[in-house]
Amino acid sequence: MKQGLPTSGTDSDRFRFETVMEAAERSGLLKQKSSRIAGRVSPLLVEEAKRRTGIEADTDLIAFALANLALEDKFAEAFKDARGKSIET
């Protein structure tokens, strides 16, 4: 099994995790692991995120969440910019 691969959750959870992390790897976002992050968050938030993703390790959960943000397609931003503008065809 790949390191960090969710051990629970659905097949689609595992596919999403693999897809996001492979894209982050190809983008060079996972080359160095020298940064450390710490913070206090609700244990219920962590528990629910782990349940929904199938990810068990805190480190893998944080990496997955950050990769999702770093790779997001900026659809919301583009939609907001286009709001109120007509689309010519």
N, C-alpha and C. Protein backbone atom coordinates (compact mmCIF):
# COMPACT_ATOMS: atom_id res chain seq x y z
N MET A 1 0.85 -1.18 0.00
CA MET A 1 0.00 0.00 0.00
C MET A 1 0.89 1.24 0.00
N LYS A 2 0.48 2.24 -0.77
CA LYS A 2 1.20 3.51 -0.80
C LYS A 2 1.17 4.16 0.57
N GLN A 3 2.24 4.84 0.92
CA GLN A 3 2.26 5.56 2.18
C GLN A 3 1.21 6.65 2.16
N GLY A 4 0.43 6.75 3.22
CA GLY A 4 -0.57 7.80 3.33
C GLY A 4 -1.90 7.46 2.70
N LEU A 5 -1.97 6.39 1.90
CA LEU A 5 -3.21 6.03 1.25
C LEU A 5 -4.27 5.73 2.29
N PRO A 6 -5.46 6.30 2.12
CA PRO A 6 -6.53 6.03 3.10
C PRO A 6 -6.77 4.53 3.25
N THR A 7 -6.92 4.09 4.48
CA THR A 7 -7.17 2.68 4.74
C THR A 7 -8.64 2.41 4.99
N SER A 8 -9.42 3.47 5.09
CA SER A 8 -10.87 3.30 5.22
C SER A 8 -11.51 4.27 4.23
N GLY A 9 -12.81 4.35 4.23
CA GLY A 9 -13.50 5.20 3.28
C GLY A 9 -13.83 4.42 2.02
N THR A 10 -14.40 5.10 1.05
CA THR A 10 -14.84 4.45 -0.18
C THR A 10 -13.73 4.40 -1.22
N ASP A 11 -13.96 3.67 -2.28
CA ASP A 11 -13.01 3.64 -3.39
C ASP A 11 -12.83 5.03 -3.98
N SER A 12 -13.92 5.79 -4.04
CA SER A 12 -13.81 7.14 -4.59
C SER A 12 -12.99 8.04 -3.68
N ASP A 13 -13.05 7.82 -2.36
CA ASP A 13 -12.20 8.57 -1.41
C ASP A 13 -10.73 8.29 -1.71
N ARG A 14 -10.41 7.01 -1.88
CA ARG A 14 -9.02 6.62 -2.16
C ARG A 14 -8.57 7.16 -3.51
N PHE A 15 -9.45 7.11 -4.52
CA PHE A 15 -9.12 7.64 -5.85
C PHE A 15 -8.86 9.14 -5.79
N ARG A 16 -9.71 9.86 -5.06
CA ARG A 16 -9.53 11.31 -4.94
C ARG A 16 -8.21 11.63 -4.26
N PHE A 17 -7.92 10.93 -3.17
CA PHE A 17 -6.66 11.14 -2.46
C PHE A 17 -5.48 10.91 -3.40
N GLU A 18 -5.47 9.78 -4.10
CA GLU A 18 -4.38 9.46 -5.01
C GLU A 18 -4.24 10.50 -6.11
N THR A 19 -5.37 10.92 -6.67
CA THR A 19 -5.36 11.89 -7.77
C THR A 19 -4.78 13.22 -7.32
N VAL A 20 -5.24 13.71 -6.18
CA VAL A 20 -4.77 15.00 -5.67
C VAL A 20 -3.29 14.92 -5.32
N MET A 21 -2.88 13.88 -4.63
CA MET A 21 -1.49 13.78 -4.20
C MET A 21 -0.55 13.55 -5.38
N GLU A 22 -1.00 12.81 -6.40
CA GLU A 22 -0.17 12.62 -7.60
C GLU A 22 -0.02 13.94 -8.35
N ALA A 23 -1.09 14.73 -8.43
CA ALA A 23 -1.02 16.04 -9.09
C ALA A 23 -0.09 16.97 -8.31
N ALA A 24 -0.14 16.92 -6.99
CA ALA A 24 0.75 17.74 -6.17
C ALA A 24 2.19 17.32 -6.38
N GLU A 25 2.42 16.03 -6.50
CA GLU A 25 3.78 15.51 -6.74
C GLU A 25 4.28 15.99 -8.10
N ARG A 26 3.46 15.86 -9.14
CA ARG A 26 3.86 16.32 -10.48
C ARG A 26 4.12 17.82 -10.52
N SER A 27 3.40 18.57 -9.70
CA SER A 27 3.56 20.02 -9.65
C SER A 27 4.77 20.45 -8.83
N GLY A 28 5.44 19.50 -8.22
CA GLY A 28 6.62 19.80 -7.42
C GLY A 28 6.31 20.28 -6.02
N LEU A 29 5.05 20.16 -5.61
CA LEU A 29 4.64 20.66 -4.30
C LEU A 29 5.07 19.76 -3.14
N LEU A 30 5.48 18.55 -3.44
CA LEU A 30 5.82 17.61 -2.36
C LEU A 30 7.31 17.27 -2.31
N LYS A 31 8.14 18.06 -3.02
CA LYS A 31 9.57 17.75 -3.10
C LYS A 31 10.26 17.80 -1.75
N GLN A 32 10.07 18.86 -1.01
CA GLN A 32 10.72 19.01 0.29
C GLN A 32 9.71 18.82 1.41
N LYS A 33 10.15 18.21 2.45
CA LYS A 33 9.31 18.08 3.64
C LYS A 33 10.09 18.59 4.84
N SER A 34 10.44 19.88 4.77
CA SER A 34 11.23 20.45 5.85
C SER A 34 10.42 21.45 6.68
N SER A 35 9.21 21.76 6.24
CA SER A 35 8.39 22.73 6.96
C SER A 35 7.53 22.00 7.99
N ARG A 36 7.29 22.68 9.10
CA ARG A 36 6.47 22.11 10.16
C ARG A 36 5.29 23.04 10.39
N ILE A 37 4.12 22.47 10.62
CA ILE A 37 2.92 23.26 10.86
C ILE A 37 2.28 22.77 12.15
N ALA A 38 1.76 23.69 12.93
CA ALA A 38 1.10 23.33 14.18
C ALA A 38 -0.07 24.28 14.40
N GLY A 39 -1.06 23.80 15.06
CA GLY A 39 -2.21 24.65 15.37
C GLY A 39 -3.23 23.86 16.18
N ARG A 40 -4.12 24.58 16.78
CA ARG A 40 -5.18 23.94 17.55
C ARG A 40 -6.46 24.00 16.74
N VAL A 41 -7.06 22.84 16.57
CA VAL A 41 -8.33 22.75 15.85
C VAL A 41 -9.27 21.84 16.63
N SER A 42 -10.53 21.95 16.31
CA SER A 42 -11.54 21.12 16.96
C SER A 42 -11.29 19.65 16.67
N PRO A 43 -11.29 18.81 17.69
CA PRO A 43 -11.13 17.38 17.46
C PRO A 43 -12.28 16.82 16.61
N LEU A 44 -13.46 17.42 16.71
CA LEU A 44 -14.58 16.97 15.89
C LEU A 44 -14.33 17.26 14.41
N LEU A 45 -13.68 18.39 14.12
CA LEU A 45 -13.33 18.74 12.75
C LEU A 45 -12.36 17.70 12.18
N VAL A 46 -11.34 17.37 12.94
CA VAL A 46 -10.36 16.39 12.50
C VAL A 46 -11.01 15.02 12.32
N GLU A 47 -11.82 14.62 13.27
CA GLU A 47 -12.51 13.33 13.21
C GLU A 47 -13.39 13.23 11.96
N GLU A 48 -14.14 14.28 11.69
CA GLU A 48 -15.05 14.27 10.53
C GLU A 48 -14.26 14.27 9.23
N ALA A 49 -13.17 15.05 9.16
CA ALA A 49 -12.34 15.07 7.96
C ALA A 49 -11.72 13.69 7.71
N LYS A 50 -11.26 13.06 8.75
CA LYS A 50 -10.71 11.71 8.62
C LYS A 50 -11.77 10.71 8.19
N ARG A 51 -12.95 10.83 8.75
CA ARG A 51 -14.05 9.92 8.39
C ARG A 51 -14.42 10.09 6.92
N ARG A 52 -14.51 11.33 6.48
CA ARG A 52 -14.93 11.60 5.10
C ARG A 52 -13.88 11.24 4.07
N THR A 53 -12.61 11.32 4.44
CA THR A 53 -11.54 11.03 3.49
C THR A 53 -11.00 9.61 3.61
N GLY A 54 -11.16 9.01 4.76
CA GLY A 54 -10.55 7.71 5.00
C GLY A 54 -9.09 7.81 5.41
N ILE A 55 -8.60 9.03 5.54
CA ILE A 55 -7.20 9.26 5.94
C ILE A 55 -7.10 9.15 7.46
N GLU A 56 -6.13 8.38 7.94
CA GLU A 56 -6.02 8.18 9.38
C GLU A 56 -4.94 9.03 10.03
N ALA A 57 -3.86 9.32 9.33
CA ALA A 57 -2.74 10.06 9.92
C ALA A 57 -2.95 11.56 9.78
N ASP A 58 -2.70 12.29 10.87
CA ASP A 58 -2.85 13.75 10.86
C ASP A 58 -1.99 14.39 9.77
N THR A 59 -0.74 13.94 9.63
CA THR A 59 0.17 14.51 8.65
C THR A 59 -0.37 14.35 7.23
N ASP A 60 -0.89 13.16 6.93
CA ASP A 60 -1.44 12.91 5.60
C ASP A 60 -2.70 13.74 5.36
N LEU A 61 -3.51 13.91 6.39
CA LEU A 61 -4.72 14.72 6.28
C LEU A 61 -4.36 16.18 5.99
N ILE A 62 -3.38 16.71 6.68
CA ILE A 62 -2.95 18.09 6.46
C ILE A 62 -2.37 18.25 5.05
N ALA A 63 -1.53 17.31 4.62
CA ALA A 63 -0.94 17.38 3.29
C ALA A 63 -2.02 17.35 2.21
N PHE A 64 -3.02 16.47 2.39
CA PHE A 64 -4.11 16.36 1.43
C PHE A 64 -4.93 17.65 1.38
N ALA A 65 -5.24 18.22 2.54
CA ALA A 65 -6.03 19.45 2.59
C ALA A 65 -5.26 20.60 1.94
N LEU A 66 -3.98 20.73 2.22
CA LEU A 66 -3.17 21.79 1.64
C LEU A 66 -3.00 21.60 0.13
N ALA A 67 -2.83 20.36 -0.31
CA ALA A 67 -2.70 20.08 -1.74
C ALA A 67 -3.98 20.45 -2.47
N ASN A 68 -5.13 20.15 -1.85
CA ASN A 68 -6.42 20.53 -2.45
C ASN A 68 -6.48 22.03 -2.66
N LEU A 69 -6.08 22.79 -1.68
CA LEU A 69 -6.10 24.26 -1.80
C LEU A 69 -5.09 24.75 -2.83
N ALA A 70 -3.90 24.19 -2.81
CA ALA A 70 -2.85 24.64 -3.72
C ALA A 70 -3.18 24.33 -5.18
N LEU A 71 -3.94 23.27 -5.40
CA LEU A 71 -4.24 22.84 -6.77
C LEU A 71 -5.62 23.28 -7.24
N GLU A 72 -6.37 23.97 -6.42
CA GLU A 72 -7.74 24.31 -6.80
C GLU A 72 -7.74 25.09 -8.10
N ASP A 73 -8.80 24.94 -8.87
CA ASP A 73 -8.84 25.49 -10.23
C ASP A 73 -9.29 26.94 -10.32
N LYS A 74 -9.52 27.57 -9.21
CA LYS A 74 -9.93 28.98 -9.15
C LYS A 74 -11.25 29.25 -9.86
N PHE A 75 -12.12 28.24 -9.91
CA PHE A 75 -13.42 28.41 -10.54
C PHE A 75 -14.22 29.51 -9.85
N ALA A 76 -14.25 29.50 -8.54
CA ALA A 76 -15.05 30.48 -7.81
C ALA A 76 -14.58 31.90 -8.11
N GLU A 77 -13.28 32.08 -8.19
CA GLU A 77 -12.72 33.39 -8.50
C GLU A 77 -13.11 33.83 -9.92
N ALA A 78 -13.01 32.92 -10.88
CA ALA A 78 -13.39 33.25 -12.26
C ALA A 78 -14.88 33.53 -12.36
N PHE A 79 -15.67 32.76 -11.64
CA PHE A 79 -17.13 32.96 -11.65
C PHE A 79 -17.47 34.33 -11.09
N LYS A 80 -16.83 34.70 -10.00
CA LYS A 80 -17.07 36.00 -9.37
C LYS A 80 -16.69 37.14 -10.32
N ASP A 81 -15.57 37.01 -11.00
CA ASP A 81 -15.12 38.02 -11.95
C ASP A 81 -16.08 38.17 -13.13
N ALA A 82 -16.68 37.06 -13.54
CA ALA A 82 -17.57 37.06 -14.70
C ALA A 82 -19.00 37.45 -14.34
N ARG A 83 -19.31 37.52 -13.07
CA ARG A 83 -20.66 37.79 -12.60
C ARG A 83 -21.18 39.11 -13.18
N GLY A 84 -22.38 39.04 -13.74
CA GLY A 84 -23.01 40.22 -14.28
C GLY A 84 -22.56 40.57 -15.69
N LYS A 85 -21.64 39.79 -16.24
CA LYS A 85 -21.18 40.03 -17.60
C LYS A 85 -21.86 39.04 -18.53
N SER A 86 -22.31 39.48 -19.67
CA SER A 86 -22.94 38.57 -20.62
C SER A 86 -21.85 37.80 -21.37
N ILE A 87 -22.20 36.60 -21.74
CA ILE A 87 -21.28 35.74 -22.48
C ILE A 87 -21.72 35.79 -23.94
N GLU A 88 -20.80 36.22 -24.81
CA GLU A 88 -21.11 36.28 -26.23
C GLU A 88 -20.78 34.94 -26.87
N THR A 89 -21.69 34.52 -27.75
CA THR A 89 -21.45 33.25 -28.45
C THR A 89 -21.24 33.46 -29.91
